């Protein structure tokens, strides 16, 4: 084998190795940013309707389920009550768990909407409270 037939590849320069490492870090950061869900803020019903949160905010609200209404078009809505405050919750895109019932505590996660000067939570998730944990034991 002669010297002319032999080919060698020169190693990468230090700046090109640095650029490659930086590019990998940037791409990893972008992928993580795009795949992590937006965190919801856990608040009370009173805070949700206080005006401190705007249309499109992702919230998690806890309260007592009341006034379940199911329309013929498949729409479902309830009111979530906490003390003297209530907020309408639209359950249209939500599959309700078997434990769902009126007069039970629940936590809804969803997007706050301001409609006709009123507040509506478009629910995406529900977690029912465990009544046995919160009710006093009968003797």
N, C-alpha and C. Protein backbone atom coordinates (compact mmCIF):
# COMPACT_ATOMS: atom_id res chain seq x y z
N UNK A 1 0.84 -1.16 0.00
CA UNK A 1 0.00 0.00 0.00
C UNK A 1 0.90 1.24 0.00
N UNK A 2 0.70 2.10 -0.93
CA UNK A 2 1.54 3.30 -1.04
C UNK A 2 0.97 4.43 -0.20
N UNK A 3 1.77 5.47 0.02
CA UNK A 3 1.36 6.63 0.82
C UNK A 3 0.22 7.40 0.17
N UNK A 4 0.15 7.34 -1.16
CA UNK A 4 -0.91 8.07 -1.86
C UNK A 4 -2.27 7.41 -1.65
N UNK A 5 -2.32 6.09 -1.50
CA UNK A 5 -3.58 5.38 -1.31
C UNK A 5 -4.10 5.50 0.12
N UNK A 6 -3.21 5.74 1.03
CA UNK A 6 -3.60 5.82 2.44
C UNK A 6 -4.25 7.18 2.73
N UNK A 7 -5.42 7.14 3.30
CA UNK A 7 -6.13 8.37 3.62
C UNK A 7 -6.35 8.42 5.12
N UNK A 8 -6.11 9.55 5.70
CA UNK A 8 -6.38 9.72 7.12
C UNK A 8 -7.32 10.90 7.29
N UNK A 9 -8.18 10.79 8.25
CA UNK A 9 -9.12 11.87 8.55
C UNK A 9 -8.56 12.63 9.73
N UNK A 10 -8.49 13.93 9.59
CA UNK A 10 -7.98 14.72 10.70
C UNK A 10 -9.02 14.78 11.80
N UNK A 11 -8.62 14.79 13.07
CA UNK A 11 -9.59 14.85 14.17
C UNK A 11 -10.32 16.19 14.20
N UNK A 12 -11.48 16.17 14.85
CA UNK A 12 -12.27 17.40 14.95
C UNK A 12 -11.49 18.42 15.77
N UNK A 13 -11.66 19.64 15.40
CA UNK A 13 -11.02 20.70 16.18
C UNK A 13 -11.80 20.91 17.47
N UNK A 14 -11.17 21.54 18.46
CA UNK A 14 -11.83 21.71 19.77
C UNK A 14 -13.06 22.60 19.66
N UNK A 15 -13.07 23.60 18.79
CA UNK A 15 -14.25 24.47 18.66
C UNK A 15 -15.43 23.71 18.05
N UNK A 16 -15.16 22.80 17.11
CA UNK A 16 -16.27 22.04 16.52
C UNK A 16 -16.84 21.03 17.51
N UNK A 17 -15.99 20.48 18.39
CA UNK A 17 -16.49 19.59 19.44
C UNK A 17 -17.36 20.37 20.43
N UNK A 18 -16.93 21.58 20.78
CA UNK A 18 -17.71 22.44 21.67
C UNK A 18 -19.05 22.81 21.06
N UNK A 19 -19.04 23.13 19.77
CA UNK A 19 -20.29 23.48 19.07
C UNK A 19 -21.25 22.29 19.05
N UNK A 20 -20.74 21.10 18.83
CA UNK A 20 -21.57 19.89 18.85
C UNK A 20 -22.18 19.67 20.23
N UNK A 21 -21.38 19.80 21.29
CA UNK A 21 -21.89 19.61 22.65
C UNK A 21 -22.95 20.66 22.98
N UNK A 22 -22.72 21.90 22.60
CA UNK A 22 -23.69 22.97 22.85
C UNK A 22 -25.00 22.71 22.09
N UNK A 23 -24.90 22.25 20.85
CA UNK A 23 -26.09 21.94 20.04
C UNK A 23 -26.90 20.82 20.67
N UNK A 24 -26.24 19.82 21.18
CA UNK A 24 -26.94 18.71 21.83
C UNK A 24 -27.67 19.20 23.08
N UNK A 25 -27.03 20.06 23.86
CA UNK A 25 -27.69 20.63 25.05
C UNK A 25 -28.91 21.45 24.68
N UNK A 26 -28.81 22.27 23.65
CA UNK A 26 -29.94 23.11 23.23
C UNK A 26 -31.09 22.24 22.74
N UNK A 27 -30.80 21.24 21.94
CA UNK A 27 -31.85 20.35 21.42
C UNK A 27 -32.52 19.60 22.57
N UNK A 28 -31.75 19.11 23.53
CA UNK A 28 -32.32 18.43 24.69
C UNK A 28 -33.23 19.36 25.48
N UNK A 29 -32.80 20.60 25.69
CA UNK A 29 -33.62 21.58 26.41
C UNK A 29 -34.93 21.86 25.70
N UNK A 30 -34.90 22.00 24.38
CA UNK A 30 -36.11 22.27 23.60
C UNK A 30 -37.07 21.07 23.70
N UNK A 31 -36.55 19.87 23.59
CA UNK A 31 -37.40 18.67 23.68
C UNK A 31 -38.06 18.59 25.05
N UNK A 32 -37.32 18.83 26.11
CA UNK A 32 -37.88 18.79 27.46
C UNK A 32 -38.95 19.87 27.63
N UNK A 33 -38.67 21.07 27.15
CA UNK A 33 -39.63 22.18 27.26
C UNK A 33 -40.94 21.85 26.55
N UNK A 34 -40.86 21.21 25.38
CA UNK A 34 -42.06 20.92 24.60
C UNK A 34 -42.85 19.73 25.14
N UNK A 35 -42.21 18.85 25.91
CA UNK A 35 -42.90 17.65 26.38
C UNK A 35 -43.43 17.75 27.80
N UNK A 36 -43.01 18.75 28.56
CA UNK A 36 -43.48 18.89 29.94
C UNK A 36 -44.78 19.67 29.94
N UNK A 37 -45.80 19.12 30.62
CA UNK A 37 -47.09 19.80 30.71
C UNK A 37 -46.98 21.04 31.60
N UNK A 38 -47.82 22.02 31.27
CA UNK A 38 -47.88 23.22 32.11
C UNK A 38 -48.45 22.84 33.46
N UNK A 39 -47.84 23.34 34.50
CA UNK A 39 -48.30 23.04 35.85
C UNK A 39 -49.52 23.89 36.17
N UNK A 40 -50.48 23.29 36.86
CA UNK A 40 -51.65 24.04 37.26
C UNK A 40 -51.44 24.60 38.67
N UNK A 41 -52.12 25.70 38.95
CA UNK A 41 -52.04 26.35 40.24
C UNK A 41 -53.19 25.84 41.11
N UNK A 42 -52.90 25.38 42.33
CA UNK A 42 -53.92 24.86 43.24
C UNK A 42 -54.48 26.03 44.04
N UNK A 43 -55.79 26.29 43.87
CA UNK A 43 -56.42 27.43 44.55
C UNK A 43 -57.81 27.03 45.06
N UNK A 44 -58.38 27.91 45.88
CA UNK A 44 -59.73 27.69 46.39
C UNK A 44 -60.74 28.26 45.39
N UNK A 45 -62.00 27.93 45.57
CA UNK A 45 -63.06 28.47 44.73
C UNK A 45 -63.09 29.99 44.86
N UNK A 46 -62.94 30.48 46.08
CA UNK A 46 -62.95 31.93 46.31
C UNK A 46 -61.84 32.61 45.51
N UNK A 47 -60.64 32.04 45.51
CA UNK A 47 -59.53 32.62 44.75
C UNK A 47 -59.80 32.58 43.25
N UNK A 48 -60.43 31.51 42.78
CA UNK A 48 -60.70 31.36 41.35
C UNK A 48 -61.62 32.46 40.82
N UNK A 49 -62.59 32.87 41.63
CA UNK A 49 -63.54 33.88 41.17
C UNK A 49 -63.19 35.29 41.64
N UNK A 50 -62.02 35.44 42.26
CA UNK A 50 -61.61 36.74 42.81
C UNK A 50 -61.19 37.74 41.73
N UNK A 51 -60.88 37.26 40.54
CA UNK A 51 -60.40 38.14 39.49
C UNK A 51 -58.88 38.15 39.38
N UNK A 52 -58.20 37.44 40.26
CA UNK A 52 -56.74 37.38 40.22
C UNK A 52 -56.24 36.49 39.08
N UNK A 53 -57.12 35.65 38.55
CA UNK A 53 -56.74 34.73 37.47
C UNK A 53 -57.55 35.09 36.23
N UNK A 54 -56.91 34.93 35.08
CA UNK A 54 -57.54 35.35 33.84
C UNK A 54 -57.96 34.20 32.95
N UNK A 55 -58.59 34.57 31.87
CA UNK A 55 -59.07 33.62 30.88
C UNK A 55 -57.89 32.81 30.34
N UNK A 56 -58.00 31.49 30.39
CA UNK A 56 -56.97 30.61 29.87
C UNK A 56 -55.99 30.10 30.90
N UNK A 57 -56.11 30.54 32.16
CA UNK A 57 -55.20 30.06 33.20
C UNK A 57 -55.51 28.60 33.53
N UNK A 58 -54.46 27.82 33.76
CA UNK A 58 -54.59 26.41 34.12
C UNK A 58 -54.66 26.32 35.64
N UNK A 59 -55.81 25.89 36.18
CA UNK A 59 -56.03 25.89 37.62
C UNK A 59 -56.44 24.52 38.12
N UNK A 60 -56.25 24.33 39.43
CA UNK A 60 -56.70 23.13 40.14
C UNK A 60 -57.52 23.64 41.31
N UNK A 61 -58.82 23.31 41.31
CA UNK A 61 -59.75 23.87 42.30
C UNK A 61 -60.43 22.74 43.06
N UNK A 62 -60.50 22.89 44.38
CA UNK A 62 -61.12 21.88 45.25
C UNK A 62 -62.41 22.45 45.85
N UNK A 63 -63.43 21.60 45.94
CA UNK A 63 -64.68 22.01 46.56
C UNK A 63 -65.67 20.87 46.63
N UNK A 64 -66.91 21.21 46.94
CA UNK A 64 -67.99 20.22 47.06
C UNK A 64 -68.83 20.25 45.78
N UNK A 65 -69.11 19.08 45.23
CA UNK A 65 -69.88 18.96 43.99
C UNK A 65 -71.36 19.17 44.28
N UNK A 66 -72.01 20.09 43.54
CA UNK A 66 -73.46 20.30 43.65
C UNK A 66 -74.06 20.51 42.27
N UNK A 67 -75.35 20.38 42.16
CA UNK A 67 -76.14 20.74 40.98
C UNK A 67 -75.66 20.08 39.69
N UNK A 68 -75.54 18.77 39.68
CA UNK A 68 -75.15 18.05 38.47
C UNK A 68 -76.26 18.16 37.43
N UNK A 69 -75.90 18.62 36.23
CA UNK A 69 -76.86 18.73 35.13
C UNK A 69 -76.26 18.06 33.90
N UNK A 70 -77.04 17.15 33.29
CA UNK A 70 -76.61 16.49 32.07
C UNK A 70 -77.63 16.83 30.99
N UNK A 71 -77.17 17.46 29.90
CA UNK A 71 -78.09 17.86 28.84
C UNK A 71 -78.24 16.72 27.84
N UNK A 72 -79.27 16.83 26.99
CA UNK A 72 -79.53 15.80 25.99
C UNK A 72 -78.43 15.76 24.92
N UNK A 73 -77.69 16.86 24.76
CA UNK A 73 -76.61 16.90 23.77
C UNK A 73 -75.32 16.29 24.31
N UNK A 74 -75.34 15.80 25.54
CA UNK A 74 -74.17 15.15 26.11
C UNK A 74 -73.34 16.05 27.01
N UNK A 75 -73.72 17.31 27.12
CA UNK A 75 -72.99 18.23 27.98
C UNK A 75 -73.26 17.93 29.44
N UNK A 76 -72.24 18.09 30.26
CA UNK A 76 -72.36 17.87 31.70
C UNK A 76 -71.76 19.07 32.40
N UNK A 77 -72.42 19.52 33.45
CA UNK A 77 -71.87 20.61 34.24
C UNK A 77 -72.30 20.46 35.69
N UNK A 78 -71.48 21.02 36.56
CA UNK A 78 -71.78 21.03 37.99
C UNK A 78 -71.37 22.39 38.52
N UNK A 79 -71.66 22.60 39.77
CA UNK A 79 -71.11 23.75 40.49
C UNK A 79 -70.22 23.19 41.58
N UNK A 80 -69.07 23.80 41.73
CA UNK A 80 -68.14 23.45 42.78
C UNK A 80 -68.26 24.51 43.85
N UNK A 81 -68.58 24.10 45.08
CA UNK A 81 -68.88 25.03 46.15
C UNK A 81 -67.84 24.89 47.26
N UNK A 82 -67.44 26.04 47.80
CA UNK A 82 -66.54 26.08 48.94
C UNK A 82 -66.99 27.24 49.81
N UNK A 83 -67.66 26.94 50.92
CA UNK A 83 -68.21 27.99 51.77
C UNK A 83 -69.33 28.73 51.05
N UNK A 84 -69.22 30.06 50.95
CA UNK A 84 -70.23 30.88 50.28
C UNK A 84 -69.91 31.13 48.81
N UNK A 85 -68.91 30.46 48.26
CA UNK A 85 -68.47 30.72 46.91
C UNK A 85 -68.69 29.49 46.03
N UNK A 86 -69.02 29.74 44.75
CA UNK A 86 -69.21 28.63 43.82
C UNK A 86 -68.70 29.01 42.43
N UNK A 87 -68.33 28.00 41.67
CA UNK A 87 -67.90 28.18 40.29
C UNK A 87 -68.50 27.07 39.45
N UNK A 88 -68.92 27.44 38.26
CA UNK A 88 -69.46 26.46 37.32
C UNK A 88 -68.31 25.66 36.71
N UNK A 89 -68.49 24.34 36.61
CA UNK A 89 -67.47 23.47 36.03
C UNK A 89 -68.10 22.72 34.86
N UNK A 90 -67.51 22.90 33.67
CA UNK A 90 -67.96 22.22 32.46
C UNK A 90 -67.23 20.88 32.37
N UNK A 91 -67.99 19.80 32.37
CA UNK A 91 -67.42 18.44 32.37
C UNK A 91 -67.52 17.77 31.00
N UNK A 92 -67.76 18.56 29.94
CA UNK A 92 -68.08 18.00 28.63
C UNK A 92 -67.05 16.97 28.15
N UNK A 93 -65.76 17.29 28.26
CA UNK A 93 -64.74 16.39 27.71
C UNK A 93 -64.18 15.43 28.76
N UNK A 94 -64.87 15.30 29.88
CA UNK A 94 -64.34 14.52 30.99
C UNK A 94 -65.16 13.25 31.20
N UNK A 95 -64.48 12.14 31.41
CA UNK A 95 -65.14 10.89 31.78
C UNK A 95 -65.14 10.84 33.30
N UNK A 96 -66.31 10.77 33.88
CA UNK A 96 -66.44 10.82 35.33
C UNK A 96 -66.16 9.45 35.95
N UNK A 97 -65.47 9.43 37.08
CA UNK A 97 -65.19 8.15 37.76
C UNK A 97 -66.45 7.59 38.41
N UNK A 98 -66.42 6.31 38.74
CA UNK A 98 -67.56 5.66 39.38
C UNK A 98 -67.90 6.29 40.72
N UNK A 99 -66.92 6.87 41.38
CA UNK A 99 -67.14 7.46 42.70
C UNK A 99 -67.71 8.87 42.64
N UNK A 100 -67.93 9.39 41.43
CA UNK A 100 -68.43 10.76 41.28
C UNK A 100 -69.89 10.83 41.75
N UNK A 101 -70.18 11.82 42.58
CA UNK A 101 -71.55 12.01 43.07
C UNK A 101 -71.68 13.42 43.64
N UNK A 102 -72.91 13.89 43.70
CA UNK A 102 -73.17 15.19 44.32
C UNK A 102 -72.89 15.11 45.82
N UNK A 103 -72.62 16.25 46.40
CA UNK A 103 -72.32 16.39 47.83
C UNK A 103 -71.08 15.60 48.25
N UNK A 104 -70.16 15.41 47.33
CA UNK A 104 -68.86 14.79 47.62
C UNK A 104 -67.77 15.80 47.27
N UNK A 105 -66.64 15.73 47.95
CA UNK A 105 -65.56 16.65 47.64
C UNK A 105 -64.79 16.15 46.41
N UNK A 106 -64.31 17.11 45.62
CA UNK A 106 -63.57 16.77 44.42
C UNK A 106 -62.58 17.89 44.09
N UNK A 107 -61.55 17.52 43.37
CA UNK A 107 -60.57 18.49 42.87
C UNK A 107 -60.57 18.40 41.36
N UNK A 108 -60.84 19.54 40.71
CA UNK A 108 -60.88 19.60 39.25
C UNK A 108 -59.68 20.38 38.74
N UNK A 109 -59.06 19.88 37.70
CA UNK A 109 -57.98 20.57 37.01
C UNK A 109 -58.49 20.93 35.63
N UNK A 110 -58.28 22.19 35.23
CA UNK A 110 -58.75 22.60 33.92
C UNK A 110 -58.39 24.03 33.59
N UNK A 111 -59.00 24.54 32.55
CA UNK A 111 -58.73 25.87 32.03
C UNK A 111 -59.87 26.81 32.45
N UNK A 112 -59.50 27.92 33.07
CA UNK A 112 -60.48 28.91 33.50
C UNK A 112 -60.93 29.74 32.30
N UNK A 113 -62.23 29.90 32.15
CA UNK A 113 -62.81 30.72 31.08
C UNK A 113 -63.70 31.77 31.72
N UNK A 114 -63.64 32.97 31.17
CA UNK A 114 -64.52 34.05 31.62
C UNK A 114 -65.56 34.25 30.53
N UNK A 115 -66.82 33.93 30.87
CA UNK A 115 -67.91 33.98 29.91
C UNK A 115 -69.03 34.82 30.49
N UNK A 116 -69.42 35.88 29.79
CA UNK A 116 -70.50 36.77 30.23
C UNK A 116 -70.29 37.23 31.67
N UNK A 117 -69.11 37.69 31.97
CA UNK A 117 -68.74 38.18 33.30
C UNK A 117 -68.85 37.12 34.39
N UNK A 118 -68.89 35.86 34.00
CA UNK A 118 -68.89 34.76 34.97
C UNK A 118 -67.70 33.86 34.71
N UNK A 119 -67.40 33.01 35.66
CA UNK A 119 -66.25 32.12 35.57
C UNK A 119 -66.71 30.69 35.36
N UNK A 120 -66.05 30.00 34.42
CA UNK A 120 -66.33 28.60 34.15
C UNK A 120 -64.99 27.88 34.06
N UNK A 121 -64.89 26.74 34.73
CA UNK A 121 -63.70 25.91 34.63
C UNK A 121 -63.99 24.78 33.64
N UNK A 122 -63.25 24.74 32.52
CA UNK A 122 -63.38 23.64 31.57
C UNK A 122 -62.50 22.50 32.09
N UNK A 123 -63.12 21.54 32.75
CA UNK A 123 -62.39 20.49 33.45
C UNK A 123 -61.73 19.52 32.48
N UNK A 124 -60.47 19.18 32.80
CA UNK A 124 -59.73 18.18 32.04
C UNK A 124 -59.45 16.94 32.88
N UNK A 125 -59.40 17.11 34.21
CA UNK A 125 -59.15 15.99 35.13
C UNK A 125 -60.00 16.19 36.37
N UNK A 126 -60.35 15.08 37.01
CA UNK A 126 -61.06 15.13 38.28
C UNK A 126 -60.45 14.09 39.22
N UNK A 127 -60.35 14.48 40.48
CA UNK A 127 -59.94 13.54 41.51
C UNK A 127 -60.94 13.67 42.65
N UNK A 128 -61.61 12.59 42.94
CA UNK A 128 -62.60 12.59 44.00
C UNK A 128 -61.91 12.45 45.35
N UNK A 129 -62.44 13.17 46.35
CA UNK A 129 -61.93 13.04 47.71
C UNK A 129 -62.39 11.72 48.30
N UNK A 130 -61.65 11.24 49.24
CA UNK A 130 -62.00 9.99 49.91
C UNK A 130 -62.82 10.33 51.15
N UNK A 131 -64.15 10.14 51.13
CA UNK A 131 -64.99 10.55 52.24
C UNK A 131 -64.61 9.90 53.56
N UNK A 132 -64.13 8.66 53.53
CA UNK A 132 -63.82 7.98 54.79
C UNK A 132 -62.66 8.66 55.52
N UNK A 133 -61.81 9.36 54.80
CA UNK A 133 -60.68 10.03 55.44
C UNK A 133 -61.10 11.31 56.16
N UNK A 134 -62.22 11.90 55.72
CA UNK A 134 -62.59 13.22 56.22
C UNK A 134 -63.80 13.21 57.15
N UNK A 135 -64.55 12.12 57.15
CA UNK A 135 -65.73 12.05 58.00
C UNK A 135 -65.35 11.47 59.36
N UNK A 136 -65.93 11.98 60.44
CA UNK A 136 -65.61 11.42 61.76
C UNK A 136 -66.14 9.99 61.89
N UNK A 137 -65.43 9.21 62.66
CA UNK A 137 -65.84 7.82 62.86
C UNK A 137 -67.03 7.80 63.81
N UNK A 138 -68.09 7.06 63.41
CA UNK A 138 -69.28 6.94 64.25
C UNK A 138 -69.03 5.91 65.32
N UNK A 139 -69.52 6.19 66.53
CA UNK A 139 -69.32 5.25 67.64
C UNK A 139 -70.54 4.40 67.86
